[in-house]
Amino acid sequence: MASAAGLKPDGPHHASRPCTACLWQDCAARLRRAPQAALVAAVEATGFEARVLSSGALGGAAAAAADTAALRVRGMTCAACSAAVERACLGVPGVRSAAVSLLAGRAEVAFDPDRTGPRHLLAAVEAARFEAALADSDRCAPRAPGACAQAVR
């Protein structure tokens, strides 16, 4: 799958297949660099209608400010725990803001995709001794270098 899409695994926790977070980060970076007309043409070539909804939606500072990751965080039991998760996220270079909900067990993190991505956020939360996964996916939350919870199939 990775070679067919032109994506290569990066990072120490991959043996042969990239995890969901890394695929997402690589795809987001490629979309920011792609000309909007080329993206529209590619979508239309598959038989769907396409149009650009806003000029700031792809690339530039507006897009960088809009990139966010929703994380599901397990193991938080008090306000100190949620503060620790927030500090861990804010400690990742490129993170612009982090909001952690103890009751929901979630963290919403805004970041500069040219400097960081979901896999770095997951690693920071894990390093703070909490379990973390992308909120919209149970596929991959690296626990340690050399291990991936579930490879993308």
Protein backbone atom coordinates (compact mmCIF):
# COMPACT_ATOMS: atom_id res chain seq x y z
CA MET A 1 0.00 0.00 0.00
CA ALA A 2 2.69 2.49 0.94
CA SER A 3 4.67 2.12 -2.29
CA ALA A 4 1.54 2.27 -4.46
CA ALA A 5 0.59 5.61 -2.97
CA GLY A 6 4.16 6.88 -3.18
CA LEU A 7 4.36 7.14 0.60
CA LYS A 8 7.34 5.87 2.50
CA PRO A 9 7.49 4.98 6.17
CA ASP A 10 9.43 7.46 8.24
CA GLY A 11 10.21 7.35 11.87
CA PRO A 12 11.71 4.68 14.08
CA HIS A 13 8.50 2.78 14.86
CA HIS A 14 7.97 1.43 11.34
CA ALA A 15 9.21 -1.89 10.09
CA SER A 16 7.60 -2.04 6.66
CA ARG A 17 4.30 -0.12 6.73
CA PRO A 18 3.57 3.42 7.85
CA CYS A 19 1.02 3.96 10.58
CA THR A 20 -2.17 5.99 10.10
CA ALA A 21 -0.73 9.07 11.78
CA CYS A 22 2.32 9.12 9.51
CA LEU A 23 0.21 8.57 6.39
CA TRP A 24 -2.04 11.44 7.45
CA GLN A 25 0.90 13.75 8.10
CA ASP A 26 2.54 12.93 4.75
CA CYS A 27 -0.73 13.33 2.82
CA ALA A 28 -1.48 16.65 4.52
CA ALA A 29 1.98 17.95 3.61
CA ARG A 30 1.56 16.85 -0.02
CA LEU A 31 -1.86 18.50 -0.26
CA ARG A 32 -0.50 21.79 1.05
CA ARG A 33 2.19 21.78 -1.66
CA ALA A 34 -0.09 20.69 -4.53
CA PRO A 35 -1.55 23.35 -6.84
CA GLN A 36 -5.30 23.68 -6.27
CA ALA A 37 -6.05 23.23 -9.98
CA ALA A 38 -4.16 19.92 -9.98
CA LEU A 39 -6.17 18.68 -7.00
CA VAL A 40 -9.46 19.63 -8.66
CA ALA A 41 -8.38 17.90 -11.89
CA ALA A 42 -7.37 14.74 -10.00
CA VAL A 43 -10.74 14.54 -8.23
CA GLU A 44 -12.64 15.20 -11.48
CA ALA A 45 -10.59 12.50 -13.23
CA THR A 46 -12.09 9.96 -10.80
CA GLY A 47 -15.62 10.93 -11.90
CA PHE A 48 -16.56 13.34 -9.14
CA GLU A 49 -17.28 17.05 -9.30
CA ALA A 50 -14.78 19.28 -7.51
CA ARG A 51 -14.24 22.95 -6.79
CA VAL A 52 -12.11 24.99 -4.43
CA LEU A 53 -14.23 26.23 -1.54
CA SER A 54 -11.75 28.83 -0.28
CA SER A 55 -8.35 29.99 -1.39
CA GLY A 56 -6.93 29.63 2.13
CA ALA A 57 -8.09 26.02 2.49
CA LEU A 58 -4.88 24.59 1.05
CA GLY A 59 -1.36 25.76 1.79
CA GLY A 60 -0.02 28.91 3.34
CA ALA A 61 -0.29 30.28 6.85
CA ALA A 62 -4.08 29.95 6.97
CA ALA A 63 -3.90 26.19 6.48
CA ALA A 64 -1.02 25.79 8.92
CA ALA A 65 -3.05 27.53 11.60
CA ALA A 66 -6.07 25.32 10.89
CA ASP A 67 -4.37 21.91 11.24
CA THR A 68 -5.60 20.16 14.35
CA ALA A 69 -5.54 16.69 15.79
CA ALA A 70 -8.14 15.20 18.09
CA LEU A 71 -6.64 12.68 20.47
CA ARG A 72 -8.39 10.18 22.71
CA VAL A 73 -6.48 10.06 25.99
CA ARG A 74 -6.91 7.31 28.57
CA GLY A 75 -5.61 7.20 32.10
CA MET A 76 -6.47 10.74 33.20
CA THR A 77 -8.14 10.73 36.62
CA CYS A 78 -7.81 14.33 37.86
CA ALA A 79 -7.10 17.92 36.86
CA ALA A 80 -3.38 17.35 37.39
CA CYS A 81 -3.51 14.56 34.80
CA SER A 82 -5.21 16.74 32.20
CA ALA A 83 -2.70 19.51 32.93
CA ALA A 84 0.14 17.02 32.41
CA VAL A 85 -1.30 15.99 29.04
CA GLU A 86 -1.67 19.64 28.03
CA ARG A 87 1.94 20.39 29.05
CA ALA A 88 3.15 17.35 27.10
CA CYS A 89 1.36 18.52 23.96
CA LEU A 90 2.51 22.12 24.34
CA GLY A 91 6.07 20.86 24.74
CA VAL A 92 6.11 19.49 21.18
CA PRO A 93 7.82 21.98 18.84
CA GLY A 94 5.26 23.38 16.40
CA VAL A 95 2.23 23.01 18.68
CA ARG A 96 0.24 26.24 18.74
CA SER A 97 -2.38 25.34 21.35
CA ALA A 98 -3.78 22.40 23.28
CA ALA A 99 -7.10 21.94 25.06
CA VAL A 100 -7.63 18.84 27.17
CA SER A 101 -10.98 17.62 28.49
CA LEU A 102 -10.69 15.33 31.50
CA LEU A 103 -14.35 14.27 31.35
CA ALA A 104 -14.34 13.56 27.61
CA GLY A 105 -10.89 11.98 27.69
CA ARG A 106 -9.88 14.05 24.66
CA ALA A 107 -7.27 16.55 23.62
CA GLU A 108 -7.65 19.00 20.73
CA VAL A 109 -4.25 20.18 19.53
CA ALA A 110 -3.55 22.86 16.91
CA PHE A 111 -0.14 22.57 15.28
CA ASP A 112 2.10 23.71 12.45
CA PRO A 113 2.19 20.68 10.10
CA ASP A 114 5.56 21.73 8.72
CA ARG A 115 7.08 21.22 12.15
CA THR A 116 5.13 18.37 13.74
CA GLY A 117 2.22 15.99 13.29
CA PRO A 118 -0.05 13.51 15.04
CA ARG A 119 2.64 10.90 15.63
CA HIS A 120 4.71 13.41 17.62
CA LEU A 121 1.67 14.37 19.67
CA LEU A 122 0.87 10.74 20.39
CA ALA A 123 4.48 10.11 21.41
CA ALA A 124 4.47 13.12 23.77
CA VAL A 125 1.27 11.99 25.50
CA GLU A 126 2.62 8.44 25.79
CA ALA A 127 5.87 9.80 27.25
CA ALA A 128 3.75 11.52 29.92
CA ARG A 129 2.50 8.00 30.81
CA PHE A 130 -0.99 8.18 29.33
CA GLU A 131 -2.52 6.08 26.56
CA ALA A 132 -3.24 8.03 23.38
CA ALA A 133 -4.77 7.39 19.97
CA LEU A 134 -6.21 9.53 17.24
CA ALA A 135 -9.80 10.19 18.29
CA ASP A 136 -11.23 9.26 14.89
CA SER A 137 -9.18 6.09 14.52
CA ASP A 138 -8.17 3.11 16.62
CA ARG A 139 -5.62 1.99 14.05
CA CYS A 140 -2.27 3.09 15.39
CA ALA A 141 -0.92 4.65 18.53
CA PRO A 142 2.81 3.90 18.76
CA ARG A 143 3.73 2.74 22.24
CA ALA A 144 7.51 2.63 21.86
CA PRO A 145 10.14 2.80 19.11
CA GLY A 146 9.96 -0.36 17.04
CA ALA A 147 6.32 -1.07 17.88
CA CYS A 148 3.11 -0.06 16.16
CA ALA A 149 -0.22 -1.03 17.75
CA GLN A 150 -1.79 -2.05 14.45
CA ALA A 151 -0.40 -1.63 10.94
CA VAL A 152 -2.51 -0.01 8.27
CA ARG A 153 -3.94 -2.71 6.05
